Every structure is written in structure tokens, then in C-alpha cells.
């Protein structure tokens, strides 16, 4: 009992007593850490939930608002703006302090969540999701930065572990919660549920975290951010438009690609000469770093491009409810949580990071290929669950070891920049993956529907999805369902191909490292 009381006392002291670091970087007002940490955990939960809770609501959103052909923009708009905003929050918080940037981030996220909840059209929702991403870009980044500010170095690992646990739990419950809210209330509550959580987080952080003092005033690469935004948005627009409003051979598609590529070249040139660039291109000269970062970007490209459309398959093809489709995603995250702990233990004991990464990505490729195979052949739900479990095992082994390899490949004084660049490329890869998979799905669906013997309103099915399927006769319903099955399985096959490319890159790196030894 005495030992337990002592532990509780120690933890409480860690929470409420300011450290020397805190005292030198903030005002004289003490930091009430129990408030701050609780608020930061809540912001982490909000950010994690919004990456997974929307997926099970997408079919219902399409039925209500229309725009199936543009469904991937609900996700890509959020990921695009959050990806671009993430590095900016770090620099601006150095200039103006963490507290005002956190207040802006939470406030922008909540205001945009409210707008998403009252959206009346697909493009309104896409626009509001873009605004939501601007706020979300600071939630995770600033939360972890504040922990570094107010917690002593010897305690930071423990606190960051709690953040990781909160992120994992939120990812597990997100799809199921999205399904429950959609079926029991409305898809709008997928966004409105952020309001009470966010307001509580805002109050706790503002109560406990002092204003602090701004640090140095770095030069912000606004031009680089603008060039990257235009280039990325152009590529996303191109991939999303293929199969709906553009064809691969249309002059407009070629023009859009050329303009996007030009802005990408201009961005690279700007980053080479910027005093404080958004992306440190000189790190790409380190071969191990560049290969691992590229591989993680491709892995994110493949994963996000596949996972966003699985709930759509479950509901449109298998006829499952939103709740069940959310539950069917749990094996992936559950096995990922277990394998990440075991994989971390094995890697710390053996330090065979390259081998474990190859094994992890190989299992990811196998799991993703099995999912594409199941989708193509209309396999029962059990086979999907087993394949998702395998995919989760691969992710749990691969993701942590990829991070370790990237961090070990750079000098210690570049560790923060390298990790930030990895996160940036991973987010960018995920955004492009969703866009390309959405374009492939729309293109294949349009082709499949046009080949049906009975003439149907293709535009209606591209617009309304599940709602349009319910209006046709049983005979046509079966044919249309087959068309959707082929379209979604095609997008999953594309994702599997990209995962195989990442596997080859990591395998080549392991062979090279073996020769060096």
C-alpha cells in the first residue's frame, strides 16, 4: 500500500511541478500538467478518430449528398491540407509560442467539424474537410511538441507511450464508432461528435498551459509551401478526375500533369535555396535514408489507397451494415497492436531492423494481395478478416522498424528534421494513394457499367452509389453489384502492386547492408 501511494505521489509531482525546462521557456504561471496532458490526449484522440471514423460513413454520405465519383476527395482534401500545414505549425509555434497555435489549431478543427456536420452537398463537404485538415495538421504535431516542453527528458518516453496507446485505441474504435453513429443517428454526427471532445480539450489546455515566450523568429518558407500545395493539389485533382471527367489521353489531363510537374520542379528549386526549407533535400543524398523514406511513402500510398474503399466494398457488395463494416476492420488494427509490441521487443534484442522490415513489408504485401483476391472473387467475410489480420501483423512489424532505420541513417543533430520529413512523405503518399485508387475505381466502374446488357443511367450510379443500387430490379442489382466488385478489386490490386514495389526497395536495401557488413 505504501509503495502504491508513493508511486501515485511521484506521478502527481511529475504532472504538477514545473521542470527547469518549463521554467525557462514559459512565464511564471505554473503549468498544471494534469489538465494539459488530459487535454493533449483528447486532441490526439480527435486527430486519430478523424482518420478512421469517416470510412464507414462514406456510403451513407454518398447516398445523401451524391458524388460517388468524388468520394475519395472527402479523405484526400483532409490529408492534403493537414500534410501541408504540419511543418508550418512547427515553425510558427517557435515564433509565437505553443499556446496560441494550439488554440488556433483546435478552434479551426472544431469550426470546420461543425461545417462538415451541416454540409448540403458533396463539394461543400470536401471544402469543409479541407478546412478541417488545416486545424488537424497542428493537433498531433503541437501535442507532442508541448510534451517535450513541459516534461523532463527522462519522463518523455513514458508520456509518448501513452500518446501511442491513445492513438491505437482511437484507430481501433474509429470505424466501429463511425458505423454506430451513422446507423443510430446520422452520418453528420461523425463530425459533430468532435465538438464536445474538442471544447473540453480546449478548456483544459487553456487552463493549464501558460502563454509562454516566443523563441527565435525563423524565416518561413511561404513560397515553398505555396508551390508544394499547388503541385500536390494538381496531382490529386488529376488522379481523382481520371475516369469521371477526364481520360488518360485527354489534352486537359496532359496539361494538368505538366503544370503540376512544373510546380514540383519549382518547389525543389526553392527548397535548395531557402534558408529554412520545408523539406531538407540534402538528406536525400543519404541512400539508406532516401530509400526508406521513399518506401514508407509508397507503403502509405498503398495502405490508404486500399483501406478507404474496403468499407465501401463491405456495404455495396457484401450488403453489410455500417456497424458490421466497421467491426470488420478491427482484425487489422488488433493484430497491428500486438505485432508492434512483439516486433519492437525482437528488434531491440536482435537489432536486425532491415530483416524485420523486409519481413513486415512482405507480410503486408501478402495480406493486401489476399484482400484484392478475395474482393475479385467475392470471398466470404471470414476470408477478408483473416487477410486483414495478416495485413495488420505486417504493419505492426514494418512501421516501427522503418522509423528506426530512418532515424539511424542520419546524424543525431538531424534527427528531428529526418523524422518530420518521414512523416511528411508518409502523409503525402497516403493522400496520393487515396486519389489514385479513387480514380482507378471510378474509371473501372464506368467501364463495367457501360458493358452491361441492359441500359442504365451510369451517371446516377457514379453519383449516388448505394442509393442508386436500391432502386433497380433484382436482376440488374446483381449485375451492378458485380460491376462495383470489379471496380473496387481493381483499386485494391493497384495498391497491392505498389506495396510489392516497396518490398523490392527494402529487400534491395537489406542486400546492400549485408554486403557492407
Protein backbone atom coordinates (compact mmCIF):
# COMPACT_ATOMS: atom_id res chain seq x y z
CA UNK A 1 0.00 0.00 0.00
CA UNK A 2 2.84 2.39 0.89
CA UNK A 3 4.62 1.62 -2.36
CA UNK A 4 1.44 2.27 -4.33
CA UNK A 5 0.90 5.57 -2.53
CA UNK A 6 4.48 6.55 -3.25
CA UNK A 7 4.02 5.82 -6.94
CA UNK A 8 0.84 7.91 -7.08
CA UNK A 9 2.61 10.76 -5.30
CA UNK A 10 5.52 10.59 -7.74
CA UNK A 11 3.24 10.65 -10.76
CA UNK A 12 1.28 13.60 -9.34
CA UNK A 13 4.50 15.51 -8.73
CA UNK A 14 5.57 14.87 -12.30
CA UNK A 15 2.26 16.31 -13.50
CA UNK A 16 2.04 19.43 -11.41
CA UNK A 17 5.60 20.52 -10.70
CA UNK A 18 7.21 22.57 -13.44
CA UNK A 19 10.63 21.45 -14.61
CA UNK A 20 13.61 23.65 -15.22
CA UNK A 21 12.92 23.37 -18.95
CA UNK A 22 9.41 24.64 -18.44
CA UNK A 23 10.52 27.48 -16.23
CA UNK A 24 12.96 28.75 -18.80
CA UNK A 25 10.55 28.62 -21.71
CA UNK A 26 7.29 29.78 -20.17
CA UNK A 27 6.06 32.57 -18.00
CA UNK A 28 5.98 32.43 -14.19
CA UNK A 29 2.49 30.91 -14.22
CA UNK A 30 2.85 27.22 -13.19
CA UNK A 31 1.84 24.54 -15.65
CA UNK A 32 -0.98 22.39 -14.30
CA UNK A 33 0.14 19.30 -16.13
CA UNK A 34 -2.76 17.08 -15.27
CA UNK A 35 -5.04 19.50 -17.16
CA UNK A 36 -2.62 19.97 -20.03
CA UNK A 37 -1.84 16.30 -20.52
CA UNK A 38 -5.52 15.31 -20.42
CA UNK A 39 -6.30 17.99 -22.98
CA UNK A 40 -3.44 16.86 -25.21
CA UNK A 41 -4.61 13.25 -25.05
CA UNK A 42 -8.08 14.39 -26.12
CA UNK A 43 -6.63 16.28 -29.10
CA UNK A 44 -4.69 13.16 -30.09
CA UNK A 45 -7.89 11.10 -29.88
CA UNK A 46 -9.73 13.61 -32.10
CA UNK A 47 -6.97 13.58 -34.70
CA UNK A 48 -6.76 9.77 -34.75
CA UNK A 49 -10.52 9.30 -34.88
CA UNK A 50 -10.92 11.60 -37.87
CA UNK A 51 -8.53 9.45 -39.88
CA UNK A 52 -10.67 6.31 -39.43
CA UNK A 53 -14.19 7.24 -38.31
CA UNK A 54 -15.25 8.62 -41.71
CA UNK A 55 -14.62 5.43 -43.71
CA UNK A 56 -17.73 3.54 -42.55
CA UNK A 57 -19.93 6.60 -43.12
CA UNK A 58 -18.86 7.16 -46.75
CA UNK A 59 -21.56 5.02 -48.43
CA UNK A 60 -24.31 6.77 -46.43
CA UNK A 61 -22.81 10.18 -47.19
CA UNK A 62 -22.87 9.37 -50.91
CA UNK A 63 -26.49 8.20 -50.67
CA UNK A 64 -27.44 11.50 -49.06
CA UNK A 65 -25.26 14.01 -50.90
CA UNK A 66 -24.37 12.15 -54.10
CA UNK A 67 -20.95 12.32 -55.78
CA UNK A 68 -19.67 8.72 -55.58
CA UNK A 69 -17.11 9.51 -58.27
CA UNK A 70 -15.60 12.15 -55.98
CA UNK A 71 -15.78 10.15 -52.75
CA UNK A 72 -12.00 9.98 -52.31
CA UNK A 73 -11.87 13.80 -52.07
CA UNK A 74 -13.55 13.58 -48.65
CA UNK A 75 -10.35 11.94 -47.44
CA UNK A 76 -7.76 13.49 -49.74
CA UNK A 77 -8.87 17.09 -49.07
CA UNK A 78 -8.35 16.48 -45.35
CA UNK A 79 -4.99 14.76 -45.84
CA UNK A 80 -3.72 17.33 -48.34
CA UNK A 81 -4.28 20.37 -46.15
CA UNK A 82 -3.13 18.63 -42.95
CA UNK A 83 0.05 17.45 -44.71
CA UNK A 84 0.92 20.95 -45.93
CA UNK A 85 0.02 22.56 -42.59
CA UNK A 86 2.06 20.19 -40.41
CA UNK A 87 5.57 21.65 -41.00
CA UNK A 88 4.17 25.19 -40.80
CA UNK A 89 2.82 24.66 -37.28
CA UNK A 90 6.27 23.70 -36.02
CA UNK A 91 7.89 26.89 -37.32
CA UNK A 92 5.04 29.19 -36.28
CA UNK A 93 4.95 27.74 -32.75
CA UNK A 94 8.64 28.66 -32.40
CA UNK A 95 7.75 32.22 -33.35
CA UNK A 96 4.55 32.79 -31.39
CA UNK A 97 4.58 30.06 -28.72
CA UNK A 98 2.69 26.76 -28.42
CA UNK A 99 -0.45 28.06 -26.66
CA UNK A 100 -1.81 30.40 -29.36
CA UNK A 101 -1.04 27.88 -32.12
CA UNK A 102 -2.78 25.10 -30.20
CA UNK A 103 -5.76 27.38 -29.64
CA UNK A 104 -5.91 28.18 -33.35
CA UNK A 105 -5.49 24.52 -34.35
CA UNK A 106 -8.26 23.24 -32.07
CA UNK A 107 -10.54 26.16 -32.90
CA UNK A 108 -10.11 25.72 -36.66
CA UNK A 109 -10.67 21.98 -36.37
CA UNK A 110 -13.88 22.38 -34.35
CA UNK A 111 -15.30 25.13 -36.57
CA UNK A 112 -14.64 23.04 -39.67
CA UNK A 113 -16.16 19.96 -37.97
CA UNK A 114 -19.34 21.95 -37.39
CA UNK A 115 -19.39 23.00 -41.06
CA UNK A 116 -18.87 19.37 -42.15
CA UNK A 117 -21.82 18.35 -39.99
CA UNK A 118 -24.17 20.77 -41.76
CA UNK A 119 -22.83 20.36 -45.33
CA UNK A 120 -25.55 20.19 -48.00
CA UNK A 121 -23.54 18.93 -50.98
CA UNK A 122 -20.53 16.73 -51.71
CA UNK A 123 -18.34 19.66 -52.74
CA UNK A 124 -19.32 21.63 -49.65
CA UNK A 125 -18.24 18.66 -47.54
CA UNK A 126 -14.97 18.32 -49.45
CA UNK A 127 -14.21 22.03 -48.95
CA UNK A 128 -15.03 21.89 -45.23
CA UNK A 129 -12.88 18.75 -44.86
CA UNK A 130 -10.01 20.75 -46.33
CA UNK A 131 -10.56 23.42 -43.68
CA UNK A 132 -10.70 20.69 -41.05
CA UNK A 133 -7.32 19.38 -42.22
CA UNK A 134 -5.74 22.80 -41.66
CA UNK A 135 -6.67 22.53 -37.99
CA UNK A 136 -5.81 18.83 -37.75
CA UNK A 137 -2.28 19.47 -39.01
CA UNK A 138 -1.41 21.02 -35.65
CA UNK A 139 -3.21 18.61 -33.32
CA UNK A 140 -0.66 15.78 -33.28
CA UNK A 141 2.42 17.88 -34.02
CA UNK A 142 1.84 20.51 -31.33
CA UNK A 143 0.60 17.98 -28.75
CA UNK A 144 3.86 16.05 -28.92
CA UNK A 145 5.89 19.27 -29.00
CA UNK A 146 4.23 20.53 -25.80
CA UNK A 147 5.08 17.24 -24.06
CA UNK A 148 8.71 17.91 -24.94
CA UNK A 149 8.36 21.39 -23.42
CA UNK A 150 6.75 20.52 -20.08
CA UNK A 151 8.07 17.02 -19.29
CA UNK A 152 11.64 16.23 -18.19
CA UNK A 153 13.70 14.25 -20.75
CA UNK A 154 13.77 11.12 -18.57
CA UNK A 155 9.94 11.05 -18.48
CA UNK A 156 9.16 11.79 -22.12
CA UNK A 157 9.21 8.19 -23.29
CA UNK A 158 6.51 7.26 -20.78
CA UNK A 159 4.25 10.10 -21.87
CA UNK A 160 4.79 9.47 -25.57
CA UNK A 161 3.89 5.82 -24.91
CA UNK A 162 0.53 6.98 -23.56
CA UNK A 163 0.06 9.04 -26.72
CA UNK A 164 0.76 5.98 -28.85
CA UNK A 165 -1.74 3.95 -26.83
CA UNK A 166 -4.40 6.64 -27.25
CA UNK A 167 -3.75 6.74 -30.98
CA UNK A 168 -4.06 2.94 -31.28
CA UNK A 169 -7.28 2.75 -29.25
CA UNK A 170 -8.80 5.58 -31.30
CA UNK A 171 -7.84 3.86 -34.54
CA UNK A 172 -9.45 0.62 -33.34
CA UNK A 173 -12.72 2.22 -32.25
CA UNK A 174 -12.97 4.74 -35.12
CA UNK A 175 -14.58 2.56 -37.82
CA UNK A 176 -16.99 0.95 -35.33
CA UNK A 177 -17.94 4.30 -33.77
CA UNK A 178 -18.50 5.74 -37.24
CA UNK A 179 -20.82 2.88 -38.09
CA UNK A 180 -22.79 3.21 -34.84
CA UNK A 181 -23.22 6.98 -35.19
CA UNK A 182 -24.24 6.66 -38.84
CA UNK A 183 -26.84 3.93 -38.21
CA UNK A 184 -28.20 5.19 -34.89
CA UNK A 185 -28.26 8.92 -35.63
CA UNK A 186 -26.83 10.34 -38.85
CA UNK A 187 -23.54 10.47 -40.72
CA UNK A 188 -23.38 14.12 -39.65
CA UNK A 189 -22.60 13.03 -36.08
CA UNK A 190 -19.33 11.55 -37.33
CA UNK A 191 -18.17 15.18 -37.47
CA UNK A 192 -20.32 16.77 -34.77
CA UNK A 193 -19.02 14.34 -32.12
CA UNK A 194 -15.75 16.32 -32.24
CA UNK A 195 -17.40 19.38 -30.69
CA UNK A 196 -17.82 18.27 -27.03
CA UNK A 197 -14.46 16.47 -27.02
CA UNK A 198 -12.66 19.41 -28.60
CA UNK A 199 -14.24 22.03 -26.34
CA UNK A 200 -13.18 20.05 -23.26
CA UNK A 201 -9.64 19.69 -24.62
CA UNK A 202 -9.50 23.41 -25.43
CA UNK A 203 -10.64 24.37 -21.91
CA UNK A 204 -8.15 22.06 -20.19
CA UNK A 205 -5.19 23.21 -22.28
CA UNK A 206 -6.01 26.90 -21.96
CA UNK A 207 -6.43 26.47 -18.19
CA UNK A 208 -3.15 24.65 -17.65
CA UNK A 209 -0.74 25.89 -20.29
CA UNK A 210 0.71 29.39 -19.82
CA UNK A 211 1.23 31.73 -22.74
CA UNK A 212 5.00 31.32 -22.65
CA UNK A 213 7.50 33.36 -24.57
CA UNK A 214 8.17 33.14 -28.25
CA UNK A 215 11.56 31.79 -29.23
CA UNK A 216 13.68 32.73 -32.20
CA UNK A 217 12.00 34.02 -35.32
CA UNK A 218 12.90 31.73 -38.21
CA UNK A 219 12.28 32.58 -41.82
CA UNK A 220 9.20 30.74 -43.01
CA UNK A 221 9.28 29.26 -46.48
CA UNK A 222 5.89 30.55 -47.59
CA UNK A 223 6.83 30.25 -51.28
CA UNK A 224 7.82 26.62 -50.82
CA UNK A 225 4.54 25.85 -49.07
CA UNK A 226 2.57 27.53 -51.87
CA UNK A 227 4.46 25.71 -54.64
CA UNK A 228 4.07 22.35 -52.92
CA UNK A 229 0.37 22.97 -52.31
CA UNK A 230 -0.28 23.71 -55.99
CA UNK A 231 1.79 20.74 -57.19
CA UNK A 232 0.17 18.27 -54.80
CA UNK A 233 -3.35 19.58 -55.40
CA UNK A 234 -2.77 19.33 -59.15
CA UNK A 235 -1.72 15.69 -58.99
CA UNK A 236 -4.61 14.86 -56.66
CA UNK A 237 -7.07 16.58 -58.98
CA UNK A 238 -5.64 14.65 -61.94
CA UNK A 239 -5.90 11.25 -60.23
CA UNK A 240 -9.38 11.94 -58.90
CA UNK A 241 -10.67 13.15 -62.28
CA UNK A 242 -9.46 10.17 -64.29
CA UNK A 243 -12.46 8.02 -65.16
CA UNK A 244 -15.05 10.65 -64.32
CA UNK A 245 -14.41 13.96 -66.07
CA UNK A 246 -11.06 13.19 -67.74
CA UNK A 247 -9.49 10.30 -69.65
CA UNK A 248 -5.81 9.38 -69.56
CA UNK A 249 -5.36 10.57 -73.16
CA UNK A 250 -7.27 13.86 -72.94
CA UNK A 251 -5.29 17.09 -73.58
CA UNK A 252 -6.58 18.56 -70.33
CA UNK A 253 -5.14 15.64 -68.35
CA UNK A 254 -1.78 16.17 -70.05
CA UNK A 255 -1.89 19.89 -69.30
CA UNK A 256 -2.78 19.27 -65.66
CA UNK A 257 0.10 16.82 -65.31
CA UNK A 258 2.55 19.25 -66.95
CA UNK A 259 1.51 22.15 -64.70
CA UNK A 260 1.70 20.01 -61.56
CA UNK A 261 5.12 18.68 -62.56
CA UNK A 262 6.35 22.21 -63.29
CA UNK A 263 5.31 23.41 -59.83
CA UNK A 264 7.01 20.36 -58.30
CA UNK A 265 10.27 21.27 -60.07
CA UNK A 266 9.90 24.87 -58.88
CA UNK A 267 9.33 23.61 -55.33
CA UNK A 268 12.51 21.51 -55.42
CA UNK A 269 14.48 24.50 -56.71
CA UNK A 270 13.01 26.72 -53.98
CA UNK A 271 13.90 24.21 -51.24
CA UNK A 272 17.51 24.08 -52.40
CA UNK A 273 17.98 27.80 -51.84
CA UNK A 274 15.59 28.52 -48.95
CA UNK A 275 17.36 29.38 -45.64
CA UNK A 276 14.91 27.18 -43.70
CA UNK A 277 13.22 24.86 -46.20
CA UNK A 278 10.08 22.87 -45.53
CA UNK A 279 11.84 19.72 -46.76
CA UNK A 280 15.60 19.19 -46.27
CA UNK A 281 16.58 17.83 -49.68
CA UNK A 282 20.22 17.32 -48.68
CA UNK A 283 19.15 14.35 -46.55
CA UNK A 284 18.15 12.55 -49.75
CA UNK A 285 21.86 12.17 -50.53
CA UNK A 286 21.98 9.56 -47.76
CA UNK A 287 20.99 6.44 -49.68
CA UNK A 288 19.63 4.45 -46.72
CA UNK A 289 17.51 7.42 -45.67
CA UNK A 290 16.15 8.17 -49.13
CA UNK A 291 15.29 4.51 -49.84
CA UNK A 292 13.49 4.05 -46.50
CA UNK A 293 11.60 7.34 -46.77
CA UNK A 294 10.54 6.56 -50.33
CA UNK A 295 9.48 3.06 -49.29
CA UNK A 296 7.40 4.34 -46.36
CA UNK A 297 5.73 6.86 -48.67
CA UNK A 298 4.85 4.08 -51.12
CA UNK A 299 3.63 1.87 -48.26
CA UNK A 300 1.36 4.68 -47.07
CA UNK A 301 0.26 5.19 -50.69
CA UNK A 302 -0.77 1.52 -50.89
CA UNK A 303 -2.35 1.30 -47.44
CA UNK A 304 -4.50 4.42 -47.59
CA UNK A 305 -5.46 3.67 -51.17
CA UNK A 306 -6.87 0.31 -50.11
CA UNK A 307 -8.30 0.80 -46.63
CA UNK A 308 -10.62 3.66 -47.53
CA UNK A 309 -12.53 1.51 -50.04
CA UNK A 310 -12.91 -1.71 -48.04
CA UNK A 311 -15.94 -0.47 -46.03
CA UNK A 312 -17.45 0.58 -49.35
CA UNK A 313 -16.99 -2.99 -50.62
CA UNK A 314 -18.47 -4.49 -47.47
CA UNK A 315 -21.61 -2.37 -47.72
CA UNK A 316 -22.15 -2.22 -51.50
CA UNK A 317 -21.09 -5.76 -52.43
CA UNK A 318 -21.49 -7.86 -49.28
CA UNK A 319 -24.55 -5.90 -48.11
CA UNK A 320 -23.26 -5.32 -44.58
CA UNK A 321 -24.46 -2.53 -42.29
CA UNK A 322 -22.17 0.38 -41.36
CA UNK A 323 -21.69 -1.11 -37.86
CA UNK A 324 -20.64 -4.50 -39.22
CA UNK A 325 -18.36 -2.98 -41.84
CA UNK A 326 -16.66 -1.04 -39.04
CA UNK A 327 -16.23 -4.18 -36.94
CA UNK A 328 -14.74 -5.99 -39.92
CA UNK A 329 -11.80 -3.54 -39.89
CA UNK A 330 -10.85 -4.42 -36.30
CA UNK A 331 -8.68 -7.52 -37.03
CA UNK A 332 -6.19 -5.34 -38.88
CA UNK A 333 -5.69 -2.85 -36.04
CA UNK A 334 -5.87 -5.53 -33.33
CA UNK A 335 -3.10 -7.65 -34.84
CA UNK A 336 -1.12 -4.49 -35.58
CA UNK A 337 -1.15 -3.51 -31.90
CA UNK A 338 0.06 -6.96 -30.82
CA UNK A 339 2.71 -7.38 -33.52
CA UNK A 340 4.09 -3.87 -32.97
CA UNK A 341 4.82 -4.68 -29.31
CA UNK A 342 6.35 -8.07 -30.13
CA UNK A 343 8.20 -6.69 -33.15
CA UNK A 344 9.65 -3.87 -31.07
CA UNK A 345 10.87 -6.35 -28.46
CA UNK A 346 12.51 -8.58 -31.08
CA UNK A 347 14.14 -5.66 -32.90
CA UNK A 348 15.58 -4.26 -29.66
CA UNK A 349 17.06 -7.68 -28.86
CA UNK A 350 18.41 -8.55 -32.31
CA UNK A 351 18.84 -5.10 -33.91
CA UNK A 352 18.09 -6.72 -37.27
CA UNK A 353 15.97 -3.80 -38.41
CA UNK A 354 16.40 -4.39 -42.15
CA UNK A 355 15.42 -8.07 -41.90
CA UNK A 356 12.37 -7.33 -39.75
CA UNK A 357 11.31 -4.54 -42.12
CA UNK A 358 11.57 -6.89 -45.11
CA UNK A 359 9.50 -9.49 -43.25
CA UNK A 360 6.92 -6.89 -42.24
CA UNK A 361 6.52 -5.39 -45.72
CA UNK A 362 6.44 -8.89 -47.22
CA UNK A 363 3.56 -9.84 -44.93
CA UNK A 364 1.82 -6.54 -45.77
CA UNK A 365 2.10 -7.32 -49.48
CA UNK A 366 0.76 -10.84 -48.89
CA UNK A 367 -2.18 -9.58 -46.82
CA UNK A 368 -3.05 -6.84 -49.32
CA UNK A 369 -2.82 -9.28 -52.24
CA UNK A 370 -5.14 -11.70 -50.43
CA UNK A 371 -7.64 -8.88 -49.83
CA UNK A 372 -7.57 -7.97 -53.54
CA UNK A 373 -8.02 -11.66 -54.41
CA UNK A 374 -10.96 -12.00 -52.01
CA UNK A 375 -12.59 -8.88 -53.42
CA UNK A 376 -12.17 -10.03 -57.02
CA UNK A 377 -13.68 -13.46 -56.35
CA UNK A 378 -16.35 -12.34 -53.87
CA UNK A 379 -14.99 -14.39 -50.98
CA UNK A 380 -16.96 -14.75 -47.71
CA UNK A 381 -16.37 -12.22 -44.93
CA UNK A 382 -14.21 -14.67 -42.91
CA UNK A 383 -11.51 -14.66 -45.59
CA UNK A 384 -11.42 -10.86 -45.52
CA UNK A 385 -10.98 -10.92 -41.74
CA UNK A 386 -8.06 -13.38 -41.95
CA UNK A 387 -6.40 -11.35 -44.70
CA UNK A 388 -6.84 -8.13 -42.71
CA UNK A 389 -5.27 -9.86 -39.70
CA UNK A 390 -2.23 -10.73 -41.81
CA UNK A 391 -2.06 -7.17 -43.09
CA UNK A 392 -2.11 -5.85 -39.51
CA UNK A 393 0.73 -8.18 -38.49
CA UNK A 394 2.87 -6.87 -41.34
CA UNK A 395 2.10 -3.24 -40.47
CA UNK A 396 2.95 -3.79 -36.80
CA UNK A 397 6.33 -5.28 -37.68
CA UNK A 398 7.16 -2.97 -40.56
CA UNK A 399 6.21 0.54 -39.42
CA UNK A 400 8.34 0.79 -36.21
CA UNK A 401 11.42 -0.71 -37.86
CA UNK A 402 11.10 1.67 -40.81
CA UNK A 403 11.17 4.59 -38.37
CA UNK A 404 14.23 3.19 -36.56
CA UNK A 405 16.11 2.67 -39.84
CA UNK A 406 15.36 6.22 -40.97
CA UNK A 407 16.47 7.73 -37.66
CA UNK A 408 19.62 5.58 -37.50
CA UNK A 409 20.67 6.62 -41.00
CA UNK A 410 21.12 10.33 -40.17
CA UNK A 411 23.38 12.23 -37.75
CA UNK A 412 21.98 12.91 -34.30
CA UNK A 413 21.66 16.64 -34.91
CA UNK A 414 19.39 15.95 -37.91
CA UNK A 415 17.10 13.51 -36.12
CA UNK A 416 14.14 15.87 -35.74
CA UNK A 417 14.29 17.05 -39.35
CA UNK A 418 14.58 13.48 -40.63
CA UNK A 419 11.59 12.28 -38.61
CA UNK A 420 9.49 15.25 -39.72
CA UNK A 421 10.40 14.61 -43.34
CA UNK A 422 9.38 10.95 -42.96
CA UNK A 423 6.00 11.99 -41.56
CA UNK A 424 5.53 14.50 -44.37
CA UNK A 425 6.32 11.97 -47.14
CA UNK A 426 4.14 9.35 -45.46
CA UNK A 427 1.17 11.74 -45.32
CA UNK A 428 1.74 12.86 -48.90
CA UNK A 429 1.92 9.25 -50.08
CA UNK A 430 -1.35 8.46 -48.33
CA UNK A 431 -3.07 11.44 -49.97
CA UNK A 432 -1.90 10.43 -53.44
CA UNK A 433 -2.82 6.80 -52.79
CA UNK A 434 -6.41 7.64 -51.95
CA UNK A 435 -6.66 9.87 -55.02
CA UNK A 436 -5.21 7.32 -57.46
CA UNK A 437 -7.27 4.45 -56.05
CA UNK A 438 -10.39 6.59 -56.31
CA UNK A 439 -9.59 7.38 -59.94
CA UNK A 440 -8.97 3.71 -60.77
CA UNK A 441 -12.22 2.69 -59.08
CA UNK A 442 -14.27 5.33 -60.92
CA UNK A 443 -12.68 4.51 -64.29
CA UNK A 444 -13.23 0.75 -63.89
CA UNK A 445 -16.77 1.21 -62.60
CA UNK A 446 -17.73 3.37 -65.55
CA UNK A 447 -16.31 0.78 -67.95
CA UNK A 448 -18.06 -2.12 -66.18
CA UNK A 449 -21.42 -0.35 -66.12
CA UNK A 450 -21.20 0.56 -69.80
CA UNK A 451 -20.71 -3.13 -70.67
CA UNK A 452 -23.95 -4.24 -69.02
CA UNK A 453 -26.52 -5.68 -71.48
CA UNK A 454 -29.32 -3.54 -70.10
CA UNK A 455 -29.00 0.21 -70.49
CA UNK A 456 -28.81 2.00 -67.17
CA UNK A 457 -28.16 5.53 -66.02
CA UNK A 458 -24.39 5.33 -65.44
CA UNK A 459 -24.25 8.91 -64.17
CA UNK A 460 -26.75 8.06 -61.43
CA UNK A 461 -24.64 5.15 -60.18
CA UNK A 462 -21.47 7.23 -60.27
CA UNK A 463 -23.30 9.92 -58.32
CA UNK A 464 -25.43 8.05 -55.76
CA UNK A 465 -23.80 4.66 -55.25
CA UNK A 466 -25.73 2.60 -52.69
CA UNK A 467 -28.90 4.69 -53.02
CA UNK A 468 -28.99 4.08 -56.79
CA UNK A 469 -28.45 0.32 -56.37
CA UNK A 470 -31.55 0.04 -54.19
CA UNK A 471 -33.77 1.43 -56.95
CA UNK A 472 -33.07 -1.21 -59.63
CA UNK A 473 -34.63 -4.62 -60.25
CA UNK A 474 -33.08 -7.76 -58.66
CA UNK A 475 -31.56 -8.85 -61.98
CA UNK A 476 -29.90 -5.50 -62.61
CA UNK A 477 -28.94 -5.28 -58.93
CA UNK A 478 -26.79 -8.40 -59.26
CA UNK A 479 -25.06 -7.09 -62.39
CA UNK A 480 -24.41 -3.67 -60.86
CA UNK A 481 -23.05 -5.26 -57.70
CA UNK A 482 -20.63 -7.26 -59.86
CA UNK A 483 -19.56 -4.02 -61.54
CA UNK A 484 -18.79 -2.45 -58.17
CA UNK A 485 -16.96 -5.59 -57.07
CA UNK A 486 -14.71 -5.42 -60.12
CA UNK A 487 -14.06 -1.70 -59.69
CA UNK A 488 -13.11 -1.88 -56.03
CA UNK A 489 -10.99 -5.01 -56.52
CA UNK A 490 -9.12 -3.19 -59.32
CA UNK A 491 -8.21 -0.36 -56.95
CA UNK A 492 -7.07 -2.92 -54.35
CA UNK A 493 -4.89 -4.64 -56.97
CA UNK A 494 -3.21 -1.32 -57.77
CA UNK A 495 -2.46 -0.83 -54.06
CA UNK A 496 -1.02 -4.35 -53.85
CA UNK A 497 1.29 -3.62 -56.79
CA UNK A 498 2.68 -0.53 -55.08
CA UNK A 499 3.24 -2.50 -51.87
CA UNK A 500 5.30 -5.01 -53.87
CA UNK A 501 7.42 -2.11 -55.16
CA UNK A 502 8.09 -1.04 -51.55
CA UNK A 503 9.04 -4.65 -50.71
CA UNK A 504 11.59 -4.74 -53.55
CA UNK A 505 13.12 -1.43 -52.39
CA UNK A 506 13.51 -2.63 -48.80
CA UNK A 507 14.85 -6.01 -49.94
CA UNK A 508 17.47 -4.26 -52.06
CA UNK A 509 18.46 -2.14 -49.06
CA UNK A 510 18.87 -5.25 -46.87
CA UNK A 511 21.04 -6.95 -49.50
CA UNK A 512 23.20 -3.83 -49.75
CA UNK A 513 23.58 -3.62 -45.97
CA UNK A 514 24.53 -7.32 -45.87
CA UNK A 515 27.29 -6.76 -48.41
CA UNK A 516 28.64 -3.80 -46.42
CA UNK A 517 28.94 -6.00 -43.34
